[in-house]
Amino acid sequence: IFGIIVIGLIGLASDLFFKWMNRRLFPWAQLGK
């Protein structure tokens, strides 16, 4: 059970991190949406 929770948290954190990085690196990508 604990391992599943850890994997879920890591996946969530990495998803948020990549979204933040995309906003920092590619601000023009938000203009098309």
Protein backbone atom coordinates (compact mmCIF):
# COMPACT_ATOMS: atom_id res chain seq x y z
CA ILE A 1 0.00 0.00 0.00
CA PHE A 2 2.76 2.44 1.01
CA GLY A 3 4.67 1.87 -2.22
CA ILE A 4 1.57 2.67 -4.29
CA ILE A 5 1.09 5.93 -2.38
CA VAL A 6 4.75 6.90 -2.87
CA ILE A 7 4.59 6.16 -6.61
CA GLY A 8 1.38 8.20 -6.88
CA LEU A 9 2.95 11.17 -5.09
CA ILE A 10 6.08 11.01 -7.25
CA GLY A 11 3.94 10.91 -10.39
CA LEU A 12 1.87 13.87 -9.21
CA ALA A 13 4.94 15.89 -8.22
CA SER A 14 6.70 15.20 -11.54
CA ASP A 15 3.54 16.16 -13.46
CA LEU A 16 3.30 19.48 -11.62
CA PHE A 17 7.04 20.03 -12.09
CA PHE A 18 6.87 19.48 -15.86
CA LYS A 19 3.84 21.80 -16.16
CA TRP A 20 5.76 24.47 -14.23
CA MET A 21 8.84 23.95 -16.41
CA ASN A 22 6.72 24.25 -19.56
CA ARG A 23 5.35 27.58 -18.31
CA ARG A 24 8.88 28.80 -17.50
CA LEU A 25 10.55 27.60 -20.69
CA PHE A 26 7.73 27.89 -23.24
CA PRO A 27 5.49 30.86 -22.36
CA TRP A 28 4.41 31.13 -26.00
CA ALA A 29 2.90 27.62 -25.78
CA GLN A 30 0.15 29.03 -23.54
CA LEU A 31 -0.90 31.58 -26.18
CA GLY A 32 -2.40 28.96 -28.49
CA LYS A 33 -4.77 27.60 -25.85
